[in-house]
Amino acid sequence: MKILVTGASGFVGTHLCERLLKEGHDVFALVRTPKRFELKNNKLTVIQGDLDQPILHWVNGLPSDLDTCLHSAGLVHSYLEKEFFRVNAEGTGNLVNGLRTKFEKLHFVLVSSLAAAGPSLGSEKRTEMDIDFPVSMYGRSKKEAENILKKDAPSLWTQAIVRPPMVIGPRDSAVLDIFKMVQSGLVILPGKGSKEKCYSFVCVHDLVETLVLVCEKRKSSLFYSSNPQATTFDQLIKEIKKQLKKKWIFYIPLPLIFIRILTSILYFIYRLRPHPLRLTPDKYYELKAVNWTCSGKKSEEELGQVYNYDLERTIKVTLNDYKSRSWI
């Protein structure tokens, strides 16, 4: 197949391109800066461009027989709500409208997030049938991206939405912060009961498997891509501790009100002088929730998905990659 991958130089995008090329597909990788995109393959075409403009001139360079668009580009961290919606929602709209001018038929797969649905309201894992209540700016912007796709996609397109929870895997700089915290021996607990807070996760390799299956089977539906095994924050920390061979760690409990004040201070500083710290005011609402879990059962039943990476194996491949890059 001929497949367009947006966000091809990102965490999920690079793994996705590697897998598609390995399976012999022709990949058209959309990147902002081709010089920074290290992947090389004779079936890979690198396209320089972005999704910031209503008219996407680079679309003219795509083959007329393009089969699929895998839209993995997006913004995960920001201090500004307008940036989330500009990149995640408006960017998706620009992409859909740009492609519809050239492709009457297309399979469009949007990589969304559990944040678009919000945390579980009770103790049960979220399913595709539940009502969405996003609690963060990020989540609302991803939900809006989903709505735009459903509204603006031509009737002859097939469209699928894949929502992963916490994604862990090689090259991820976000989860790296947790590894470094454990390595330091000082682990911050944001709010009462943080150790028992429950999270679904998926290894990036399993997420890519879900996306490839949705692509190859041309499914038109909503899927959660999530390992059947959920983890508490304490279990996650202890698994990282075990594999780092740390003999001890100290937990530092911080009240949520303190986290709220700290994020506000960091936001004020950001307005004066932008900085890369990830503890944004938006993150407070995600930290406040006690159950971020979802069920990947539908992906197993309808796609034949097999989740091969449990928590132990996921942490192992991630840590090995971090060490190979001297990140940790």
Protein backbone atom coordinates (compact mmCIF):
# COMPACT_ATOMS: atom_id res chain seq x y z
CA MET A 1 0.00 0.00 0.00
CA LYS A 2 0.93 3.64 -0.39
CA ILE A 3 0.61 5.33 2.99
CA LEU A 4 1.04 8.92 4.16
CA VAL A 5 2.33 9.24 7.74
CA THR A 6 2.09 12.64 9.41
CA GLY A 7 4.28 13.39 12.41
CA ALA A 8 6.73 10.92 10.91
CA SER A 9 9.68 12.22 12.93
CA GLY A 10 7.82 11.97 16.24
CA PHE A 11 7.88 9.23 18.86
CA VAL A 12 5.03 7.15 17.43
CA GLY A 13 5.63 8.28 13.85
CA THR A 14 9.18 6.95 13.59
CA HIS A 15 8.20 3.54 14.94
CA LEU A 16 5.23 3.49 12.58
CA CYS A 17 7.36 4.31 9.53
CA GLU A 18 9.88 1.62 10.43
CA ARG A 19 7.18 -1.03 10.75
CA LEU A 20 5.41 -0.08 7.51
CA LEU A 21 8.68 -0.09 5.56
CA LYS A 22 9.61 -3.45 7.06
CA GLU A 23 6.35 -4.86 5.71
CA GLY A 24 7.06 -3.50 2.23
CA HIS A 25 4.66 -0.57 2.07
CA ASP A 26 5.48 2.66 0.23
CA VAL A 27 5.68 5.32 2.91
CA PHE A 28 5.33 9.06 2.39
CA ALA A 29 6.66 10.68 5.55
CA LEU A 30 5.56 14.24 6.33
CA VAL A 31 8.17 16.10 8.38
CA ARG A 32 8.97 19.73 9.09
CA THR A 33 12.75 19.30 8.92
CA PRO A 34 13.97 16.52 6.58
CA LYS A 35 17.59 16.89 7.75
CA ARG A 36 16.59 15.67 11.21
CA PHE A 37 14.74 12.64 9.88
CA GLU A 38 17.33 9.88 9.99
CA LEU A 39 15.31 7.00 8.52
CA LYS A 40 16.48 5.89 5.05
CA ASN A 41 14.80 3.36 2.75
CA ASN A 42 14.24 3.03 -0.99
CA LYS A 43 10.48 2.77 -0.38
CA LEU A 44 10.45 5.93 1.74
CA THR A 45 9.62 9.35 0.34
CA VAL A 46 10.25 12.25 2.72
CA ILE A 47 7.94 15.23 2.27
CA GLN A 48 8.75 18.57 3.83
CA GLY A 49 5.67 20.35 5.08
CA ASP A 50 3.31 21.01 7.96
CA LEU A 51 -0.39 21.33 8.73
CA ASP A 52 -0.41 24.99 9.75
CA GLN A 53 -1.94 26.44 6.58
CA PRO A 54 -5.48 26.04 5.17
CA ILE A 55 -3.95 25.25 1.77
CA LEU A 56 -1.40 22.42 1.85
CA HIS A 57 0.67 22.71 -1.31
CA TRP A 58 2.70 19.59 -0.51
CA VAL A 59 -0.41 17.45 -1.10
CA ASN A 60 0.19 17.91 -4.84
CA GLY A 61 3.31 15.77 -4.50
CA LEU A 62 1.41 12.73 -3.22
CA PRO A 63 0.61 9.87 -5.63
CA SER A 64 -2.91 9.82 -7.01
CA ASP A 65 -3.34 6.21 -5.85
CA LEU A 66 -2.57 6.88 -2.16
CA ASP A 67 -4.36 4.26 -0.05
CA THR A 68 -4.15 5.50 3.52
CA CYS A 69 -3.31 8.47 5.72
CA LEU A 70 -2.03 7.67 9.21
CA HIS A 71 -2.28 10.96 11.09
CA SER A 72 0.05 10.77 14.11
CA ALA A 73 1.12 14.43 14.22
CA GLY A 74 0.03 16.30 17.32
CA LEU A 75 0.92 18.42 20.31
CA VAL A 76 1.03 16.76 23.74
CA HIS A 77 2.52 19.46 25.99
CA SER A 78 1.76 23.17 25.96
CA TYR A 79 1.01 26.02 28.35
CA LEU A 80 -1.43 27.57 25.87
CA GLU A 81 -4.89 26.24 25.04
CA LYS A 82 -4.88 27.95 21.65
CA GLU A 83 -1.74 26.00 20.71
CA PHE A 84 -3.40 22.66 21.51
CA PHE A 85 -6.38 23.52 19.30
CA ARG A 86 -4.26 25.07 16.56
CA VAL A 87 -2.09 21.97 16.19
CA ASN A 88 -4.42 19.11 17.13
CA ALA A 89 -7.81 20.33 15.93
CA GLU A 90 -7.16 22.93 13.22
CA GLY A 91 -4.21 20.91 11.93
CA THR A 92 -6.45 17.87 11.49
CA GLY A 93 -9.03 20.01 9.71
CA ASN A 94 -6.41 21.41 7.34
CA LEU A 95 -5.17 17.91 6.59
CA VAL A 96 -8.65 16.50 5.90
CA ASN A 97 -9.59 19.44 3.68
CA GLY A 98 -6.25 19.32 1.87
CA LEU A 99 -6.53 15.62 1.10
CA ARG A 100 -10.19 15.70 0.09
CA THR A 101 -9.36 18.03 -2.82
CA LYS A 102 -7.27 15.25 -4.39
CA PHE A 103 -8.57 11.94 -3.04
CA GLU A 104 -12.17 10.90 -3.50
CA LYS A 105 -11.47 7.62 -1.70
CA LEU A 106 -9.06 7.23 1.20
CA HIS A 107 -8.64 5.36 4.46
CA PHE A 108 -7.91 7.92 7.17
CA VAL A 109 -6.61 6.78 10.57
CA LEU A 110 -6.36 9.34 13.37
CA VAL A 111 -4.07 8.67 16.31
CA SER A 112 -6.01 10.24 19.16
CA SER A 113 -5.71 9.65 22.91
CA LEU A 114 -7.52 8.32 25.96
CA ALA A 115 -7.42 11.97 27.07
CA ALA A 116 -10.10 12.66 24.44
CA ALA A 117 -12.44 10.47 26.49
CA GLY A 118 -11.21 11.48 29.92
CA PRO A 119 -10.58 9.36 33.02
CA SER A 120 -12.88 6.54 34.05
CA LEU A 121 -15.77 7.80 36.15
CA GLY A 122 -15.73 4.66 38.32
CA SER A 123 -13.52 1.64 38.79
CA GLU A 124 -14.30 0.07 35.39
CA LYS A 125 -12.11 0.52 32.34
CA ARG A 126 -13.41 2.83 29.64
CA THR A 127 -14.81 1.22 26.48
CA GLU A 128 -15.66 2.60 23.06
CA MET A 129 -19.34 2.80 24.10
CA ASP A 130 -18.80 5.19 27.02
CA ILE A 131 -19.61 8.91 26.90
CA ASP A 132 -16.57 11.18 26.61
CA PHE A 133 -15.71 13.75 29.29
CA PRO A 134 -12.23 15.14 28.56
CA VAL A 135 -10.82 17.03 31.55
CA SER A 136 -7.77 18.71 30.00
CA MET A 137 -7.11 21.17 27.18
CA TYR A 138 -5.11 18.46 25.45
CA GLY A 139 -7.98 16.01 25.72
CA ARG A 140 -10.53 18.52 24.46
CA SER A 141 -8.34 19.40 21.49
CA LYS A 142 -7.97 15.72 20.55
CA LYS A 143 -11.73 15.21 20.90
CA GLU A 144 -12.28 18.21 18.62
CA ALA A 145 -9.89 16.65 16.09
CA GLU A 146 -12.03 13.51 16.13
CA ASN A 147 -15.19 15.58 15.60
CA ILE A 148 -13.62 17.45 12.69
CA LEU A 149 -12.66 14.20 10.98
CA LYS A 150 -16.17 12.81 11.35
CA LYS A 151 -17.74 16.03 10.09
CA ASP A 152 -15.43 16.95 7.21
CA ALA A 153 -14.29 13.62 5.77
CA PRO A 154 -15.92 12.78 2.39
CA SER A 155 -18.60 10.10 2.44
CA LEU A 156 -16.48 7.68 0.39
CA TRP A 157 -13.61 7.78 2.87
CA THR A 158 -13.28 5.13 5.55
CA GLN A 159 -12.09 6.57 8.84
CA ALA A 160 -10.79 5.07 12.05
CA ILE A 161 -9.78 6.58 15.38
CA VAL A 162 -7.26 4.87 17.65
CA ARG A 163 -7.01 6.04 21.25
CA PRO A 164 -3.96 4.89 23.21
CA PRO A 165 -3.55 5.51 26.95
CA MET A 166 -0.06 6.12 28.37
CA VAL A 167 2.40 5.08 25.64
CA ILE A 168 5.76 3.74 26.80
CA GLY A 169 8.65 2.69 24.61
CA PRO A 170 12.05 3.41 23.07
CA ARG A 171 12.81 7.05 22.19
CA ASP A 172 10.01 8.50 24.32
CA SER A 173 11.22 11.61 26.10
CA ALA A 174 8.06 12.04 28.20
CA VAL A 175 8.25 8.80 30.20
CA LEU A 176 12.00 9.37 30.44
CA ASP A 177 11.19 11.92 33.17
CA ILE A 178 9.74 9.13 35.34
CA PHE A 179 12.80 6.92 34.79
CA LYS A 180 15.09 9.79 35.81
CA MET A 181 12.99 10.47 38.89
CA VAL A 182 13.34 6.84 39.99
CA GLN A 183 17.05 6.86 39.19
CA SER A 184 17.46 9.88 41.47
CA GLY A 185 15.85 7.93 44.31
CA LEU A 186 13.28 10.67 44.97
CA VAL A 187 9.77 10.02 43.66
CA ILE A 188 7.12 12.74 43.88
CA LEU A 189 3.59 11.64 44.75
CA PRO A 190 1.11 14.21 43.37
CA GLY A 191 -1.82 14.18 45.76
CA LYS A 192 -3.31 11.80 48.31
CA GLY A 193 -3.54 8.18 47.20
CA SER A 194 -1.15 8.65 44.27
CA LYS A 195 0.42 5.23 44.73
CA GLU A 196 -2.94 3.53 44.14
CA LYS A 197 -3.94 5.58 41.09
CA CYS A 198 -4.53 3.24 38.17
CA TYR A 199 -3.31 3.66 34.61
CA SER A 200 -3.68 1.75 31.38
CA PHE A 201 -0.59 1.65 29.18
CA VAL A 202 0.52 0.35 25.82
CA CYS A 203 4.01 -0.32 24.54
CA VAL A 204 4.70 1.71 21.40
CA HIS A 205 5.35 -1.55 19.50
CA ASP A 206 1.86 -2.82 20.36
CA LEU A 207 0.31 0.54 19.46
CA VAL A 208 1.99 0.37 16.06
CA GLU A 209 0.57 -3.14 15.67
CA THR A 210 -2.93 -1.76 16.28
CA LEU A 211 -2.43 1.01 13.72
CA VAL A 212 -1.08 -1.40 11.10
CA LEU A 213 -4.00 -3.78 11.63
CA VAL A 214 -6.52 -0.93 11.32
CA CYS A 215 -4.72 0.14 8.15
CA GLU A 216 -4.50 -3.31 6.55
CA LYS A 217 -8.05 -4.34 7.46
CA ARG A 218 -9.39 -0.89 6.48
CA LYS A 219 -11.49 -0.79 9.62
CA SER A 220 -13.79 2.18 10.11
CA SER A 221 -14.39 2.47 13.84
CA LEU A 222 -13.08 3.68 17.19
CA PHE A 223 -10.53 1.51 19.01
CA TYR A 224 -8.62 1.73 22.25
CA SER A 225 -5.12 0.31 21.95
CA SER A 226 -4.37 -0.81 25.50
CA ASN A 227 -2.59 -3.67 27.21
CA PRO A 228 -5.03 -5.86 29.18
CA GLN A 229 -2.82 -5.31 32.22
CA ALA A 230 -3.34 -1.96 33.96
CA THR A 231 -0.80 -0.68 36.47
CA THR A 232 -0.89 1.43 39.58
CA PHE A 233 1.58 4.28 39.86
CA ASP A 234 3.35 2.34 42.62
CA GLN A 235 3.68 -0.78 40.44
CA LEU A 236 5.12 1.30 37.62
CA ILE A 237 7.69 2.91 39.90
CA LYS A 238 8.68 -0.42 41.46
CA GLU A 239 9.14 -2.07 38.04
CA ILE A 240 11.42 0.76 36.90
CA LYS A 241 13.26 0.58 40.24
CA LYS A 242 13.79 -3.17 39.82
CA GLN A 243 15.19 -2.87 36.32
CA LEU A 244 17.39 0.08 37.26
CA LYS A 245 18.66 -2.10 40.12
CA LYS A 246 17.98 0.69 42.60
CA LYS A 247 18.19 -0.48 46.20
CA TRP A 248 16.05 2.29 47.61
CA ILE A 249 13.72 5.13 46.73
CA PHE A 250 12.04 7.79 48.86
CA TYR A 251 8.52 9.00 48.18
CA ILE A 252 7.82 12.71 48.53
CA PRO A 253 4.06 13.35 48.88
CA LEU A 254 2.88 16.73 47.61
CA PRO A 255 -0.71 17.95 48.18
CA LEU A 256 -2.62 18.65 44.98
CA ILE A 257 -3.11 22.25 46.03
CA PHE A 258 0.68 22.63 46.04
CA ILE A 259 0.85 21.12 42.54
CA ARG A 260 -1.84 23.57 41.42
CA ILE A 261 0.09 26.54 42.80
CA LEU A 262 3.35 25.29 41.29
CA THR A 263 1.82 24.90 37.82
CA SER A 264 0.43 28.44 38.05
CA ILE A 265 3.87 29.79 38.96
CA LEU A 266 5.47 27.91 36.08
CA TYR A 267 2.81 29.27 33.72
CA PHE A 268 3.51 32.84 34.90
CA ILE A 269 7.24 32.30 34.31
CA TYR A 270 6.50 30.81 30.89
CA ARG A 271 4.60 33.95 29.87
CA LEU A 272 7.69 36.01 30.71
CA ARG A 273 10.26 33.57 29.38
CA PRO A 274 9.22 30.32 27.64
CA HIS A 275 10.72 27.15 29.11
CA PRO A 276 10.39 23.40 28.31
CA LEU A 277 9.13 22.16 31.70
CA ARG A 278 6.22 19.74 31.29
CA LEU A 279 4.37 20.50 34.54
CA THR A 280 1.73 22.71 32.96
CA PRO A 281 -1.57 23.87 34.51
CA ASP A 282 -3.28 21.49 32.09
CA LYS A 283 -1.35 18.57 33.57
CA TYR A 284 -2.87 19.26 36.99
CA TYR A 285 -6.30 18.08 35.82
CA GLU A 286 -4.82 14.84 34.52
CA LEU A 287 -2.86 14.25 37.74
CA LYS A 288 -5.99 14.88 39.78
CA ALA A 289 -7.90 11.93 38.26
CA VAL A 290 -7.57 8.55 39.99
CA ASN A 291 -8.38 6.12 37.17
CA TRP A 292 -6.99 6.49 33.65
CA THR A 293 -7.88 3.08 32.28
CA CYS A 294 -9.43 1.75 29.07
CA SER A 295 -10.10 -1.65 27.57
CA GLY A 296 -8.41 -2.91 24.41
CA LYS A 297 -10.80 -5.86 24.15
CA LYS A 298 -12.44 -4.54 20.98
CA SER A 299 -9.06 -4.36 19.24
CA GLU A 300 -8.39 -7.97 20.23
CA GLU A 301 -11.76 -9.20 19.00
CA GLU A 302 -12.17 -7.19 15.79
CA LEU A 303 -8.56 -6.71 14.71
CA GLY A 304 -6.96 -9.86 16.07
CA GLN A 305 -4.61 -7.70 18.13
CA VAL A 306 -2.19 -9.52 20.42
CA TYR A 307 -0.54 -7.39 23.10
CA ASN A 308 2.94 -8.87 23.37
CA TYR A 309 4.50 -6.31 25.71
CA ASP A 310 3.47 -6.51 29.36
CA LEU A 311 4.76 -3.94 31.84
CA GLU A 312 8.01 -5.79 32.59
CA ARG A 313 8.93 -6.25 28.93
CA THR A 314 7.88 -2.71 28.06
CA ILE A 315 10.09 -1.19 30.76
CA LYS A 316 12.96 -3.46 29.72
CA VAL A 317 13.01 -2.46 26.02
CA THR A 318 12.54 1.18 26.96
CA LEU A 319 15.36 1.20 29.49
CA ASN A 320 17.72 -0.59 27.10
CA ASP A 321 17.04 2.08 24.50
CA TYR A 322 17.59 4.91 26.97
CA LYS A 323 20.92 3.41 27.99
CA SER A 324 22.01 2.96 24.37
CA ARG A 325 21.39 6.68 23.80
CA SER A 326 23.07 7.66 27.10
CA TRP A 327 19.81 9.25 28.19
CA ILE A 328 20.03 7.50 31.51
